């Protein structure tokens, strides 16, 4: 039970409609592509490389977190419907 309470503290409950979620995902994917393009064509120093790699990692983590939150929300909805 304590694990569930700790998880609830870590992941606040946020409900987004599907259109909003898709818009956020689309924006993040565009930023990922832009960052990849910058990595290939515009990085000229080690500092810029490190920054771009960190940014890319953060955006990909954010995208995965959104997917996980949606999956958890769907699982909760399924549990409530049964």
PDB file of N, CA and C in Angstrom:
ATOM      1  N   UNK A   1       0.822  -1.197   0.000  1.00  0.00           N
ATOM      2  CA  UNK A   1       0.000   0.000   0.000  1.00  0.00           C
ATOM      3  C   UNK A   1       0.866   1.262   0.000  1.00  0.00           C
ATOM      4  N   UNK A   2       1.981   1.214   0.727  1.00  0.00           N
ATOM      5  CA  UNK A   2       2.856   2.378   0.796  1.00  0.00           C
ATOM      6  C   UNK A   2       3.420   2.713  -0.572  1.00  0.00           C
ATOM      7  N   UNK A   3       3.700   1.694  -1.387  1.00  0.00           N
ATOM      8  CA  UNK A   3       4.216   1.947  -2.727  1.00  0.00           C
ATOM      9  C   UNK A   3       3.217   2.722  -3.572  1.00  0.00           C
ATOM     10  N   UNK A   4       1.959   2.375  -3.473  1.00  0.00           N
ATOM     11  CA  UNK A   4       0.929   3.074  -4.244  1.00  0.00           C
ATOM     12  C   UNK A   4       0.824   4.536  -3.798  1.00  0.00           C
ATOM     13  N   UNK A   5       0.935   4.778  -2.506  1.00  0.00           N
ATOM     14  CA  UNK A   5       0.876   6.146  -1.997  1.00  0.00           C
ATOM     15  C   UNK A   5       2.086   6.950  -2.446  1.00  0.00           C
ATOM     16  N   UNK A   6       3.268   6.330  -2.402  1.00  0.00           N
ATOM     17  CA  UNK A   6       4.463   7.007  -2.869  1.00  0.00           C
ATOM     18  C   UNK A   6       4.368   7.314  -4.351  1.00  0.00           C
ATOM     19  N   UNK A   7       3.832   6.358  -5.127  1.00  0.00           N
ATOM     20  CA  UNK A   7       3.678   6.551  -6.575  1.00  0.00           C
ATOM     21  C   UNK A   7       2.724   7.707  -6.850  1.00  0.00           C
ATOM     22  N   UNK A   8       1.671   7.812  -6.073  1.00  0.00           N
ATOM     23  CA  UNK A   8       0.706   8.900  -6.258  1.00  0.00           C
ATOM     24  C   UNK A   8       1.354  10.255  -5.972  1.00  0.00           C
ATOM     25  N   UNK A   9       2.264  10.300  -4.994  1.00  0.00           N
ATOM     26  CA  UNK A   9       2.963  11.550  -4.697  1.00  0.00           C
ATOM     27  C   UNK A   9       3.903  11.934  -5.827  1.00  0.00           C
ATOM     28  N   UNK A  10       4.541  10.931  -6.433  1.00  0.00           N
ATOM     29  CA  UNK A  10       5.498  11.185  -7.492  1.00  0.00           C
ATOM     30  C   UNK A  10       4.791  11.606  -8.769  1.00  0.00           C
ATOM     31  N   UNK A  11       3.703  10.939  -9.111  1.00  0.00           N
ATOM     32  CA  UNK A  11       2.982  11.211 -10.348  1.00  0.00           C
ATOM     33  C   UNK A  11       1.635  11.854 -10.025  1.00  0.00           C
ATOM     34  N   UNK A  12       1.580  13.182 -10.041  1.00  0.00           N
ATOM     35  CA  UNK A  12       0.313  13.845  -9.754  1.00  0.00           C
ATOM     36  C   UNK A  12      -0.714  13.509 -10.832  1.00  0.00           C
ATOM     37  N   UNK A  13      -1.947  13.484 -10.411  1.00  0.00           N
ATOM     38  CA  UNK A  13      -3.021  13.121 -11.331  1.00  0.00           C
ATOM     39  C   UNK A  13      -3.351  14.307 -12.231  1.00  0.00           C
ATOM     40  N   UNK A  14      -3.157  14.104 -13.526  1.00  0.00           N
ATOM     41  CA  UNK A  14      -3.431  15.139 -14.516  1.00  0.00           C
ATOM     42  C   UNK A  14      -4.255  14.510 -15.622  1.00  0.00           C
ATOM     43  N   UNK A  15      -5.358  15.137 -15.952  1.00  0.00           N
ATOM     44  CA  UNK A  15      -6.176  14.624 -17.030  1.00  0.00           C
ATOM     45  C   UNK A  15      -6.133  15.597 -18.196  1.00  0.00           C
ATOM     46  N   UNK A  16      -5.725  15.085 -19.348  1.00  0.00           N
ATOM     47  CA  UNK A  16      -5.679  15.877 -20.561  1.00  0.00           C
ATOM     48  C   UNK A  16      -6.602  15.240 -21.584  1.00  0.00           C
ATOM     49  N   UNK A  17      -7.304  16.069 -22.330  1.00  0.00           N
ATOM     50  CA  UNK A  17      -8.116  15.508 -23.388  1.00  0.00           C
ATOM     51  C   UNK A  17      -7.206  15.004 -24.503  1.00  0.00           C
ATOM     52  N   UNK A  18      -7.723  14.158 -25.340  1.00  0.00           N
ATOM     53  CA  UNK A  18      -6.932  13.498 -26.371  1.00  0.00           C
ATOM     54  C   UNK A  18      -6.290  14.496 -27.332  1.00  0.00           C
ATOM     55  N   UNK A  19      -7.022  15.536 -27.725  1.00  0.00           N
ATOM     56  CA  UNK A  19      -6.476  16.538 -28.647  1.00  0.00           C
ATOM     57  C   UNK A  19      -5.273  17.267 -28.045  1.00  0.00           C
ATOM     58  N   UNK A  20      -5.377  17.617 -26.781  1.00  0.00           N
ATOM     59  CA  UNK A  20      -4.275  18.300 -26.112  1.00  0.00           C
ATOM     60  C   UNK A  20      -3.056  17.392 -26.035  1.00  0.00           C
ATOM     61  N   UNK A  21      -3.286  16.154 -25.662  1.00  0.00           N
ATOM     62  CA  UNK A  21      -2.192  15.186 -25.570  1.00  0.00           C
ATOM     63  C   UNK A  21      -1.515  14.986 -26.919  1.00  0.00           C
ATOM     64  N   UNK A  22      -2.297  14.884 -27.969  1.00  0.00           N
ATOM     65  CA  UNK A  22      -1.727  14.720 -29.305  1.00  0.00           C
ATOM     66  C   UNK A  22      -0.952  15.969 -29.735  1.00  0.00           C
ATOM     67  N   UNK A  23      -1.446  17.133 -29.378  1.00  0.00           N
ATOM     68  CA  UNK A  23      -0.728  18.378 -29.707  1.00  0.00           C
ATOM     69  C   UNK A  23       0.616  18.442 -28.986  1.00  0.00           C
ATOM     70  N   UNK A  24       0.629  18.061 -27.736  1.00  0.00           N
ATOM     71  CA  UNK A  24       1.872  18.055 -26.967  1.00  0.00           C
ATOM     72  C   UNK A  24       2.850  17.056 -27.568  1.00  0.00           C
ATOM     73  N   UNK A  25       2.376  15.861 -27.877  1.00  0.00           N
ATOM     74  CA  UNK A  25       3.238  14.846 -28.488  1.00  0.00           C
ATOM     75  C   UNK A  25       3.804  15.324 -29.817  1.00  0.00           C
ATOM     76  N   UNK A  26       2.952  15.949 -30.631  1.00  0.00           N
ATOM     77  CA  UNK A  26       3.389  16.447 -31.934  1.00  0.00           C
ATOM     78  C   UNK A  26       4.489  17.499 -31.752  1.00  0.00           C
ATOM     79  N   UNK A  27       4.295  18.407 -30.810  1.00  0.00           N
ATOM     80  CA  UNK A  27       5.294  19.442 -30.549  1.00  0.00           C
ATOM     81  C   UNK A  27       6.615  18.821 -30.098  1.00  0.00           C
ATOM     82  N   UNK A  28       6.549  17.854 -29.193  1.00  0.00           N
ATOM     83  CA  UNK A  28       7.763  17.208 -28.701  1.00  0.00           C
ATOM     84  C   UNK A  28       8.474  16.476 -29.834  1.00  0.00           C
ATOM     85  N   UNK A  29       7.723  15.778 -30.681  1.00  0.00           N
ATOM     86  CA  UNK A  29       8.342  15.062 -31.806  1.00  0.00           C
ATOM     87  C   UNK A  29       9.024  16.040 -32.770  1.00  0.00           C
ATOM     88  N   UNK A  30       8.399  17.209 -33.007  1.00  0.00           N
ATOM     89  CA  UNK A  30       9.026  18.218 -33.858  1.00  0.00           C
ATOM     90  C   UNK A  30      10.319  18.722 -33.231  1.00  0.00           C
ATOM     91  N   UNK A  31      10.308  18.924 -31.928  1.00  0.00           N
ATOM     92  CA  UNK A  31      11.513  19.376 -31.237  1.00  0.00           C
ATOM     93  C   UNK A  31      12.615  18.311 -31.277  1.00  0.00           C
ATOM     94  N   UNK A  32      12.229  17.045 -31.196  1.00  0.00           N
ATOM     95  CA  UNK A  32      13.200  15.951 -31.299  1.00  0.00           C
ATOM     96  C   UNK A  32      13.846  15.966 -32.677  1.00  0.00           C
ATOM     97  N   UNK A  33      13.038  16.116 -33.720  1.00  0.00           N
ATOM     98  CA  UNK A  33      13.585  16.151 -35.079  1.00  0.00           C
ATOM     99  C   UNK A  33      14.493  17.361 -35.285  1.00  0.00           C
ATOM    100  N   UNK A  34      14.087  18.509 -34.743  1.00  0.00           N
ATOM    101  CA  UNK A  34      14.912  19.714 -34.856  1.00  0.00           C
ATOM    102  C   UNK A  34      16.239  19.514 -34.136  1.00  0.00           C
ATOM    103  N   UNK A  35      16.209  18.912 -32.975  1.00  0.00           N
ATOM    104  CA  UNK A  35      17.433  18.673 -32.215  1.00  0.00           C
ATOM    105  C   UNK A  35      18.346  17.684 -32.935  1.00  0.00           C
ATOM    106  N   UNK A  36      17.750  16.650 -33.533  1.00  0.00           N
ATOM    107  CA  UNK A  36      18.555  15.696 -34.304  1.00  0.00           C
ATOM    108  C   UNK A  36      19.203  16.386 -35.493  1.00  0.00           C
ATOM    109  N   UNK A  37      18.451  17.245 -36.151  1.00  0.00           N
ATOM    110  CA  UNK A  37      19.001  18.007 -37.275  1.00  0.00           C
ATOM    111  C   UNK A  37      20.155  18.894 -36.811  1.00  0.00           C
ATOM    112  N   UNK A  38      19.973  19.551 -35.678  1.00  0.00           N
ATOM    113  CA  UNK A  38      21.043  20.375 -35.120  1.00  0.00           C
ATOM    114  C   UNK A  38      22.280  19.532 -34.812  1.00  0.00           C
ATOM    115  N   UNK A  39      22.066  18.326 -34.275  1.00  0.00           N
ATOM    116  CA  UNK A  39      23.196  17.445 -33.965  1.00  0.00           C
ATOM    117  C   UNK A  39      23.992  17.094 -35.218  1.00  0.00           C
ATOM    118  N   UNK A  40      23.288  16.872 -36.313  1.00  0.00           N
ATOM    119  CA  UNK A  40      23.955  16.450 -37.542  1.00  0.00           C
ATOM    120  C   UNK A  40      24.632  17.619 -38.249  1.00  0.00           C
ATOM    121  N   UNK A  41      23.969  18.759 -38.310  1.00  0.00           N
ATOM    122  CA  UNK A  41      24.439  19.837 -39.175  1.00  0.00           C
ATOM    123  C   UNK A  41      24.981  21.085 -38.480  1.00  0.00           C
ATOM    124  N   UNK A  42      24.667  21.298 -37.220  1.00  0.00           N
ATOM    125  CA  UNK A  42      24.980  22.595 -36.629  1.00  0.00           C
ATOM    126  C   UNK A  42      25.850  22.548 -35.380  1.00  0.00           C
ATOM    127  N   UNK A  43      26.267  21.382 -34.944  1.00  0.00           N
ATOM    128  CA  UNK A  43      27.095  21.311 -33.748  1.00  0.00           C
ATOM    129  C   UNK A  43      28.546  21.564 -34.132  1.00  0.00           C
ATOM    130  N   UNK A  44      29.152  22.560 -33.484  1.00  0.00           N
ATOM    131  CA  UNK A  44      30.544  22.875 -33.813  1.00  0.00           C
ATOM    132  C   UNK A  44      31.476  22.833 -32.608  1.00  0.00           C
ATOM    133  N   UNK A  45      30.931  22.643 -31.413  1.00  0.00           N
ATOM    134  CA  UNK A  45      31.773  22.527 -30.221  1.00  0.00           C
ATOM    135  C   UNK A  45      31.292  21.359 -29.363  1.00  0.00           C
ATOM    136  N   UNK A  46      32.153  20.911 -28.495  1.00  0.00           N
ATOM    137  CA  UNK A  46      31.801  19.833 -27.569  1.00  0.00           C
ATOM    138  C   UNK A  46      30.666  20.286 -26.642  1.00  0.00           C
ATOM    139  N   UNK A  47      30.676  21.545 -26.240  1.00  0.00           N
ATOM    140  CA  UNK A  47      29.611  22.065 -25.377  1.00  0.00           C
ATOM    141  C   UNK A  47      28.257  21.985 -26.077  1.00  0.00           C
ATOM    142  N   UNK A  48      28.214  22.380 -27.343  1.00  0.00           N
ATOM    143  CA  UNK A  48      26.961  22.294 -28.103  1.00  0.00           C
ATOM    144  C   UNK A  48      26.523  20.846 -28.274  1.00  0.00           C
ATOM    145  N   UNK A  49      27.482  19.945 -28.475  1.00  0.00           N
ATOM    146  CA  UNK A  49      27.168  18.527 -28.603  1.00  0.00           C
ATOM    147  C   UNK A  49      26.550  18.004 -27.317  1.00  0.00           C
ATOM    148  N   UNK A  50      27.166  18.329 -26.199  1.00  0.00           N
ATOM    149  CA  UNK A  50      26.647  17.877 -24.905  1.00  0.00           C
ATOM    150  C   UNK A  50      25.258  18.444 -24.644  1.00  0.00           C
ATOM    151  N   UNK A  51      25.076  19.721 -24.947  1.00  0.00           N
ATOM    152  CA  UNK A  51      23.772  20.360 -24.750  1.00  0.00           C
ATOM    153  C   UNK A  51      22.700  19.680 -25.609  1.00  0.00           C
ATOM    154  N   UNK A  52      23.009  19.462 -26.879  1.00  0.00           N
ATOM    155  CA  UNK A  52      22.031  18.863 -27.792  1.00  0.00           C
ATOM    156  C   UNK A  52      21.709  17.423 -27.392  1.00  0.00           C
ATOM    157  N   UNK A  53      22.715  16.681 -26.983  1.00  0.00           N
ATOM    158  CA  UNK A  53      22.471  15.303 -26.549  1.00  0.00           C
ATOM    159  C   UNK A  53      21.595  15.268 -25.298  1.00  0.00           C
ATOM    160  N   UNK A  54      21.855  16.182 -24.356  1.00  0.00           N
ATOM    161  CA  UNK A  54      21.035  16.259 -23.150  1.00  0.00           C
ATOM    162  C   UNK A  54      19.603  16.662 -23.460  1.00  0.00           C
ATOM    163  N   UNK A  55      19.458  17.609 -24.363  1.00  0.00           N
ATOM    164  CA  UNK A  55      18.121  18.066 -24.765  1.00  0.00           C
ATOM    165  C   UNK A  55      17.350  16.928 -25.433  1.00  0.00           C
ATOM    166  N   UNK A  56      18.023  16.209 -26.323  1.00  0.00           N
ATOM    167  CA  UNK A  56      17.388  15.086 -27.011  1.00  0.00           C
ATOM    168  C   UNK A  56      16.956  14.016 -26.013  1.00  0.00           C
ATOM    169  N   UNK A  57      17.816  13.705 -25.084  1.00  0.00           N
ATOM    170  CA  UNK A  57      17.491  12.708 -24.066  1.00  0.00           C
ATOM    171  C   UNK A  57      16.291  13.148 -23.233  1.00  0.00           C
ATOM    172  N   UNK A  58      16.256  14.417 -22.842  1.00  0.00           N
ATOM    173  CA  UNK A  58      15.147  14.933 -22.039  1.00  0.00           C
ATOM    174  C   UNK A  58      13.829  14.893 -22.811  1.00  0.00           C
ATOM    175  N   UNK A  59      13.866  15.262 -24.084  1.00  0.00           N
ATOM    176  CA  UNK A  59      12.642  15.243 -24.897  1.00  0.00           C
ATOM    177  C   UNK A  59      12.130  13.810 -25.088  1.00  0.00           C
ATOM    178  N   UNK A  60      13.046  12.880 -25.326  1.00  0.00           N
ATOM    179  CA  UNK A  60      12.627  11.485 -25.497  1.00  0.00           C
ATOM    180  C   UNK A  60      12.076  10.916 -24.200  1.00  0.00           C
ATOM    181  N   UNK A  61      12.664  11.296 -23.075  1.00  0.00           N
ATOM    182  CA  UNK A  61      12.158  10.854 -21.775  1.00  0.00           C
ATOM    183  C   UNK A  61      10.771  11.435 -21.523  1.00  0.00           C
ATOM    184  N   UNK A  62      10.592  12.700 -21.848  1.00  0.00           N
ATOM    185  CA  UNK A  62       9.291  13.343 -21.684  1.00  0.00           C
ATOM    186  C   UNK A  62       8.223  12.654 -22.534  1.00  0.00           C
ATOM    187  N   UNK A  63       8.560  12.336 -23.762  1.00  0.00           N
ATOM    188  CA  UNK A  63       7.621  11.655 -24.646  1.00  0.00           C
ATOM    189  C   UNK A  63       7.243  10.291 -24.071  1.00  0.00           C
ATOM    190  N   UNK A  64       8.222   9.554 -23.557  1.00  0.00           N
ATOM    191  CA  UNK A  64       7.946   8.249 -22.964  1.00  0.00           C
ATOM    192  C   UNK A  64       7.088   8.394 -21.710  1.00  0.00           C
ATOM    193  N   UNK A  65       7.357   9.405 -20.894  1.00  0.00           N
ATOM    194  CA  UNK A  65       6.552   9.641 -19.696  1.00  0.00           C
ATOM    195  C   UNK A  65       5.098   9.928 -20.056  1.00  0.00           C
ATOM    196  N   UNK A  66       4.875  10.702 -21.105  1.00  0.00           N
ATOM    197  CA  UNK A  66       3.498  10.972 -21.545  1.00  0.00           C
ATOM    198  C   UNK A  66       2.797   9.684 -21.971  1.00  0.00           C
ATOM    199  N   UNK A  67       3.514   8.824 -22.699  1.00  0.00           N
ATOM    200  CA  UNK A  67       2.936   7.545 -23.114  1.00  0.00           C
ATOM    201  C   UNK A  67       2.598   6.690 -21.904  1.00  0.00           C
ATOM    202  N   UNK A  68       3.511   6.653 -20.924  1.00  0.00           N
ATOM    203  CA  UNK A  68       3.279   5.859 -19.719  1.00  0.00           C
ATOM    204  C   UNK A  68       2.092   6.388 -18.928  1.00  0.00           C
ATOM    205  N   UNK A  69       1.994   7.704 -18.799  1.00  0.00           N
ATOM    206  CA  UNK A  69       0.861   8.298 -18.083  1.00  0.00           C
ATOM    207  C   UNK A  69      -0.462   7.981 -18.766  1.00  0.00           C
ATOM    208  N   UNK A  70      -0.483   8.032 -20.087  1.00  0.00           N
ATOM    209  CA  UNK A  70      -1.707   7.712 -20.805  1.00  0.00           C
ATOM    210  C   UNK A  70      -2.070   6.242 -20.612  1.00  0.00           C
ATOM    211  N   UNK A  71      -1.064   5.371 -20.670  1.00  0.00           N
ATOM    212  CA  UNK A  71      -1.313   3.948 -20.475  1.00  0.00           C
ATOM    213  C   UNK A  71      -1.855   3.687 -19.072  1.00  0.00           C
ATOM    214  N   UNK A  72      -1.268   4.339 -18.055  1.00  0.00           N
ATOM    215  CA  UNK A  72      -1.744   4.184 -16.687  1.00  0.00           C
ATOM    216  C   UNK A  72      -3.170   4.694 -16.549  1.00  0.00           C
ATOM    217  N   UNK A  73      -3.475   5.804 -17.200  1.00  0.00           N
ATOM    218  CA  UNK A  73      -4.822   6.368 -17.151  1.00  0.00           C
ATOM    219  C   UNK A  73      -5.826   5.411 -17.798  1.00  0.00           C
ATOM    220  N   UNK A  74      -5.438   4.805 -18.918  1.00  0.00           N
ATOM    221  CA  UNK A  74      -6.310   3.849 -19.587  1.00  0.00           C
ATOM    222  C   UNK A  74      -6.531   2.616 -18.716  1.00  0.00           C
ATOM    223  N   UNK A  75      -5.495   2.172 -18.019  1.00  0.00           N
ATOM    224  CA  UNK A  75      -5.624   1.016 -17.132  1.00  0.00           C
ATOM    225  C   UNK A  75      -6.556   1.329 -15.963  1.00  0.00           C
ATOM    226  N   UNK A  76      -6.464   2.527 -15.422  1.00  0.00           N
ATOM    227  CA  UNK A  76      -7.352   2.932 -14.343  1.00  0.00           C
ATOM    228  C   UNK A  76      -8.788   2.997 -14.843  1.00  0.00           C
ATOM    229  N   UNK A  77      -8.979   3.539 -16.041  1.00  0.00           N
ATOM    230  CA  UNK A  77     -10.319   3.614 -16.618  1.00  0.00           C
ATOM    231  C   UNK A  77     -10.888   2.220 -16.838  1.00  0.00           C
ATOM    232  N   UNK A  78     -10.058   1.296 -17.320  1.00  0.00           N
ATOM    233  CA  UNK A  78     -10.504  -0.075 -17.529  1.00  0.00           C
ATOM    234  C   UNK A  78     -10.876  -0.736 -16.202  1.00  0.00           C
ATOM    235  N   UNK A  79     -10.094  -0.489 -15.161  1.00  0.00           N
ATOM    236  CA  UNK A  79     -10.385  -1.055 -13.848  1.00  0.00           C
ATOM    237  C   UNK A  79     -11.685  -0.487 -13.286  1.00  0.00           C
ATOM    238  N   UNK A  80     -11.944   0.782 -13.529  1.00  0.00           N
ATOM    239  CA  UNK A  80     -13.164   1.410 -13.023  1.00  0.00           C
ATOM    240  C   UNK A  80     -14.399   0.924 -13.777  1.00  0.00           C
ATOM    241  N   UNK A  81     -14.236   0.499 -15.021  1.00  0.00           N
ATOM    242  CA  UNK A  81     -15.372   0.045 -15.831  1.00  0.00           C
ATOM    243  C   UNK A  81     -15.748  -1.390 -15.545  1.00  0.00           C
ATOM    244  N   UNK A  82     -14.896  -2.126 -14.863  1.00  0.00           N
ATOM    245  CA  UNK A  82     -15.223  -3.537 -14.576  1.00  0.00           C
ATOM    246  C   UNK A  82     -15.806  -3.705 -13.217  1.00  0.00           C
TER     247      UNK A  82
END
